Protein backbone atom coordinates (compact mmCIF):
# COMPACT_ATOMS: atom_id res chain seq x y z
CA MET A 1 -2.37 -14.75 -6.49
CA LYS A 2 -4.01 -17.30 -8.66
CA LEU A 3 -7.88 -16.34 -8.93
CA THR A 4 -9.34 -19.70 -8.69
CA GLY A 5 -9.26 -22.92 -6.34
CA ASN A 6 -9.02 -21.08 -2.97
CA THR A 7 -9.93 -21.10 0.21
CA ILE A 8 -10.86 -17.37 0.96
CA LEU A 9 -11.93 -14.94 4.23
CA ILE A 10 -13.26 -11.95 3.66
CA THR A 11 -13.84 -9.82 6.57
CA GLY A 12 -17.09 -7.95 5.95
CA GLY A 13 -17.93 -9.73 3.33
CA ALA A 14 -22.26 -9.50 3.08
CA SER A 15 -22.21 -5.79 2.06
CA GLY A 16 -21.19 -3.48 -0.25
CA ILE A 17 -17.38 -4.50 -1.62
CA GLY A 18 -16.62 -7.34 0.14
CA LEU A 19 -20.25 -8.72 -1.10
CA GLY A 20 -18.93 -7.99 -4.29
CA LEU A 21 -15.94 -9.48 -3.99
CA THR A 22 -17.56 -12.61 -2.54
CA GLU A 23 -19.75 -13.00 -5.56
CA ARG A 24 -16.70 -12.92 -8.35
CA PHE A 25 -14.64 -15.35 -6.19
CA LEU A 26 -17.16 -18.00 -5.66
CA LYS A 27 -17.64 -17.73 -10.21
CA GLU A 28 -13.86 -18.32 -10.04
CA GLY A 29 -14.64 -21.64 -8.52
CA ASN A 30 -13.14 -20.93 -4.96
CA LYS A 31 -14.36 -21.42 -1.52
CA VAL A 32 -15.34 -18.25 0.37
CA ILE A 33 -16.14 -17.75 3.79
CA ILE A 34 -17.37 -14.48 5.18
CA CYS A 35 -17.75 -12.68 8.56
CA GLY A 36 -19.70 -9.57 9.66
CA ARG A 37 -21.60 -8.53 12.86
CA ARG A 38 -25.38 -8.59 11.50
CA GLU A 39 -26.28 -12.30 11.00
CA GLU A 40 -29.35 -11.02 9.12
CA ALA A 41 -26.96 -9.47 6.76
CA LEU A 42 -24.96 -12.65 6.66
CA GLN A 43 -28.40 -14.95 6.01
CA GLU A 44 -28.77 -12.70 2.89
CA ALA A 45 -25.96 -13.38 1.44
CA ALA A 46 -26.26 -17.06 1.83
CA ASN A 47 -29.59 -16.96 0.08
CA LYS A 48 -28.29 -15.43 -2.24
CA PHE A 49 -24.91 -17.63 -2.68
CA PRO A 50 -25.77 -20.57 -0.75
CA SER A 51 -22.38 -22.42 -1.28
CA VAL A 52 -21.02 -19.47 0.78
CA ILE A 53 -20.00 -19.87 4.73
CA THR A 54 -21.09 -17.12 6.85
CA LYS A 55 -19.67 -16.69 10.41
CA VAL A 56 -21.45 -13.82 12.80
CA CYS A 57 -18.16 -12.23 14.58
CA ASP A 58 -17.95 -8.34 15.62
CA LEU A 59 -13.86 -7.37 14.60
CA SER A 60 -14.03 -4.38 16.85
CA VAL A 61 -14.26 -7.10 19.73
CA GLU A 62 -10.66 -8.39 20.60
CA ALA A 63 -12.32 -11.79 21.51
CA ASP A 64 -14.15 -12.29 18.33
CA ARG A 65 -11.01 -12.09 16.62
CA ILE A 66 -9.06 -14.58 18.46
CA GLU A 67 -12.90 -16.98 18.31
CA LEU A 68 -12.89 -16.36 14.69
CA TYR A 69 -9.03 -17.67 13.84
CA ASN A 70 -9.44 -20.60 16.41
CA TRP A 71 -12.84 -20.95 14.33
CA ILE A 72 -11.26 -21.32 10.78
CA SER A 73 -7.97 -23.05 12.01
CA GLU A 74 -10.04 -25.88 13.02
CA ASN A 75 -12.85 -26.16 10.85
CA HIS A 76 -11.13 -24.46 7.39
CA SER A 77 -7.26 -24.92 8.11
CA ASP A 78 -7.01 -24.91 4.18
CA LEU A 79 -7.42 -21.00 4.42
CA ASN A 80 -4.74 -19.69 2.07
CA VAL A 81 -6.40 -16.20 1.26
CA LEU A 82 -7.58 -13.34 3.68
CA ILE A 83 -8.98 -10.17 3.22
CA ASN A 84 -9.48 -7.59 5.36
CA ASN A 85 -12.10 -5.48 3.88
CA ALA A 86 -13.95 -4.85 7.12
CA GLY A 87 -14.52 -1.14 7.92
CA ILE A 88 -16.22 1.59 9.04
CA GLN A 89 -17.13 5.66 7.80
CA ASN A 90 -18.34 7.96 9.99
CA TRP A 91 -18.84 11.60 8.85
CA MET A 92 -18.24 13.97 12.03
CA THR A 93 -16.52 17.01 13.25
CA ILE A 94 -13.71 17.20 16.19
CA SER A 95 -16.80 19.07 18.08
CA ASN A 96 -19.03 16.32 17.97
CA ASP A 97 -20.04 15.09 21.21
CA ASP A 98 -19.49 11.71 20.65
CA PHE A 99 -16.20 12.28 18.02
CA TYR A 100 -14.12 10.25 20.58
CA GLU A 101 -16.37 7.15 20.88
CA LYS A 102 -16.86 7.24 17.45
CA ALA A 103 -13.06 7.77 16.40
CA ASN A 104 -12.24 4.92 18.97
CA VAL A 105 -14.29 2.50 17.36
CA GLU A 106 -13.65 3.08 13.60
CA ILE A 107 -9.73 3.07 14.80
CA THR A 108 -10.20 -0.29 15.96
CA THR A 109 -12.43 -1.77 13.07
CA ASN A 110 -10.07 -0.15 10.21
CA VAL A 111 -6.74 -0.41 11.65
CA LEU A 112 -6.67 -2.68 15.18
CA ALA A 113 -8.58 -5.19 13.90
CA PRO A 114 -6.93 -6.07 10.54
CA LEU A 115 -3.32 -5.69 12.16
CA HIS A 116 -4.75 -8.56 14.89
CA LEU A 117 -6.22 -10.53 12.25
CA THR A 118 -2.90 -10.39 10.19
CA SER A 119 -0.59 -11.35 12.80
CA LEU A 120 -2.87 -14.48 13.63
CA PHE A 121 -3.50 -15.83 10.34
CA ILE A 122 -0.02 -15.52 8.95
CA LYS A 123 -0.09 -18.72 11.50
CA LEU A 124 -1.89 -20.57 8.92
CA GLN A 125 0.88 -22.83 7.07
CA SER A 126 -1.29 -22.87 4.56
CA LEU A 127 -1.67 -18.80 4.51
CA ASN A 128 -0.19 -17.12 0.80
CA THR A 129 -2.11 -13.98 0.10
CA ILE A 130 -3.40 -11.03 2.21
CA ILE A 131 -5.23 -8.17 0.08
CA ASN A 132 -5.54 -5.16 2.04
CA VAL A 133 -8.97 -2.96 1.53
CA THR A 134 -7.35 0.69 1.98
CA SER A 135 -9.10 3.93 0.21
CA GLY A 136 -8.20 6.38 -2.38
CA LEU A 137 -8.66 8.66 0.99
CA ALA A 138 -5.15 7.15 1.83
CA PHE A 139 -3.74 9.73 -0.58
CA VAL A 140 -6.10 12.71 0.23
CA GLN A 141 -8.50 13.97 2.77
CA LEU A 142 -11.74 14.73 3.23
CA SER A 143 -12.45 16.80 6.25
CA LYS A 144 -16.26 15.06 6.74
CA VAL A 145 -14.49 11.77 7.24
CA PRO A 146 -11.04 12.87 9.04
CA VAL A 147 -10.57 9.93 10.57
CA TYR A 148 -11.48 7.00 8.31
CA CYS A 149 -9.11 8.80 5.94
CA ALA A 150 -6.18 8.38 8.80
CA THR A 151 -6.71 4.91 9.28
CA LYS A 152 -6.51 4.44 5.67
CA ALA A 153 -3.23 6.23 5.17
CA PHE A 154 -2.20 4.21 7.87
CA PHE A 155 -3.46 1.09 6.78
CA HIS A 156 -1.98 1.93 3.16
CA SER A 157 1.63 2.69 5.00
CA PHE A 158 1.32 -0.66 6.91
CA THR A 159 0.56 -2.59 3.82
CA LEU A 160 4.00 -1.19 2.51
CA SER A 161 5.87 -2.66 5.11
CA LEU A 162 3.95 -5.44 5.23
CA ARG A 163 4.74 -6.76 1.60
CA HIS A 164 8.31 -6.78 2.72
CA LEU A 165 8.15 -7.97 6.17
CA LEU A 166 6.55 -11.17 4.48
CA LYS A 167 8.45 -11.84 1.62
CA GLU A 168 10.44 -14.07 3.57
CA LYS A 169 7.35 -16.29 4.23
CA ASN A 170 6.39 -16.11 0.69
CA ILE A 171 3.11 -14.37 1.50
CA GLU A 172 1.73 -12.45 -1.18
CA VAL A 173 0.24 -8.80 0.06
CA ILE A 174 -2.05 -6.88 -2.46
CA GLU A 175 -3.58 -3.67 -1.33
CA MET A 176 -6.81 -3.25 -3.15
CA ILE A 177 -7.19 0.97 -3.60
CA PRO A 178 -11.18 1.75 -4.12
CA PRO A 179 -12.26 4.97 -4.62
CA ALA A 180 -16.04 6.18 -3.64
CA LEU A 181 -18.41 3.50 -4.83
CA ASN A 182 -22.05 3.20 -4.55
CA THR A 183 -22.48 1.44 -1.17
CA ASP A 184 -23.90 2.19 2.11
CA LEU A 185 -20.50 3.04 3.48
CA GLY A 186 -20.79 6.33 5.80
CA GLY A 187 -24.65 6.18 5.35
CA LYS A 188 -27.85 5.18 3.25
CA GLY A 189 -27.41 7.76 -0.04
CA ILE A 190 -24.21 9.20 0.59
CA HIS A 191 -22.80 7.42 -2.33
CA ASP A 192 -25.37 7.51 -4.76
CA GLY A 193 -24.18 8.28 -8.29
CA GLN A 194 -20.73 6.56 -7.82
CA PRO A 195 -19.66 4.08 -9.62
CA GLU A 196 -21.18 0.54 -9.31
CA VAL A 197 -19.02 -1.97 -7.04
CA SER A 198 -19.58 -4.95 -9.76
CA ASP A 199 -17.49 -2.35 -11.77
CA PHE A 200 -14.80 -2.03 -9.64
CA VAL A 201 -14.95 -5.55 -9.20
CA GLU A 202 -14.34 -6.23 -12.55
CA ALA A 203 -11.16 -3.81 -12.95
CA VAL A 204 -9.48 -4.87 -10.36
CA PHE A 205 -9.35 -8.72 -10.94
CA GLN A 206 -8.70 -8.10 -14.05
CA GLN A 207 -5.28 -6.38 -12.34
CA MET A 208 -5.02 -9.24 -10.33
CA LYS A 209 -4.74 -11.47 -13.57
CA ASP A 210 -2.25 -9.34 -14.63
CA ARG A 211 -0.17 -9.98 -11.60
CA LYS A 212 -0.12 -6.16 -9.99
CA THR A 213 0.11 -5.81 -6.21
CA GLU A 214 -1.84 -2.65 -6.24
CA LEU A 215 -5.04 -2.61 -7.52
CA THR A 216 -7.08 1.29 -8.33
CA PHE A 217 -10.04 2.24 -10.33
CA GLY A 218 -10.81 5.98 -11.40
CA PHE A 219 -9.96 8.15 -8.67
CA SER A 220 -8.17 5.78 -6.49
CA GLU A 221 -5.93 5.27 -9.74
CA VAL A 222 -5.29 8.89 -10.41
CA MET A 223 -4.60 9.85 -6.71
CA ALA A 224 -2.58 6.69 -5.95
CA LYS A 225 0.09 8.07 -8.78
CA ALA A 226 -0.73 11.93 -8.10
CA THR A 227 1.70 14.79 -7.63
CA PRO A 228 2.17 16.79 -4.40
CA GLU A 229 0.32 19.88 -6.72
CA VAL A 230 -2.06 17.29 -7.64
CA ILE A 231 -3.21 16.13 -4.25
CA ASN A 232 -3.15 19.94 -3.08
CA ALA A 233 -5.66 21.21 -5.98
CA THR A 234 -7.78 18.12 -5.33
CA PHE A 235 -7.95 18.52 -1.03
CA ASN A 236 -8.87 21.83 -1.97
CA LYS A 237 -11.48 21.27 -4.19
CA MET A 238 -12.92 18.10 -2.30
CA ASN A 239 -12.56 20.40 1.26
CA PRO A 240 -13.88 24.16 -0.10
């Protein structure tokens, strides 16, 4: 992937990893469009980065996903990079009364939404790159976030297949695999003390410059390369 001169859509681009990617891609001379559910968060991002283009969109709603695609195709038809970054993480157990309700939204947002967006945006003739943001938890499970881990394992598997399926269309598929970072994913304060988003972004940009298609950092690098024995030992440590 070339890192400058692109028109990029980043889902969930107003906070966390998405905002970090927004800042860096803007610095590299790209046109960046971000979407998200919270208008106030999008406005804060626009205030910080005046050149960013924002679009309110709830990706858990099918009609919103279709409307987003139609809006892009009509107003930004030169879009060539789709970054499926938006995701939610629920700390819960199977015995919670609202487990199914939360799981349903989590699966829709983390799995169905990016699959739907991918199937829509490959219709754009200009599209040449898809970046799917998965997780180090695609490789080893933290039982406190059981559905999140499962969705990321699914998305990792789908990304591997998608890379093969889109070869004939000359669309590059990159998997971005973050570890836990200092963001509000899962709730405020949960990930305090984890590595900063800026450190992760710098690392993955260097990997993209090196033409890598699987981008890892810290814990996710270890897990992506781990043997079954290491994964089992890590699981037991994470889930005492």
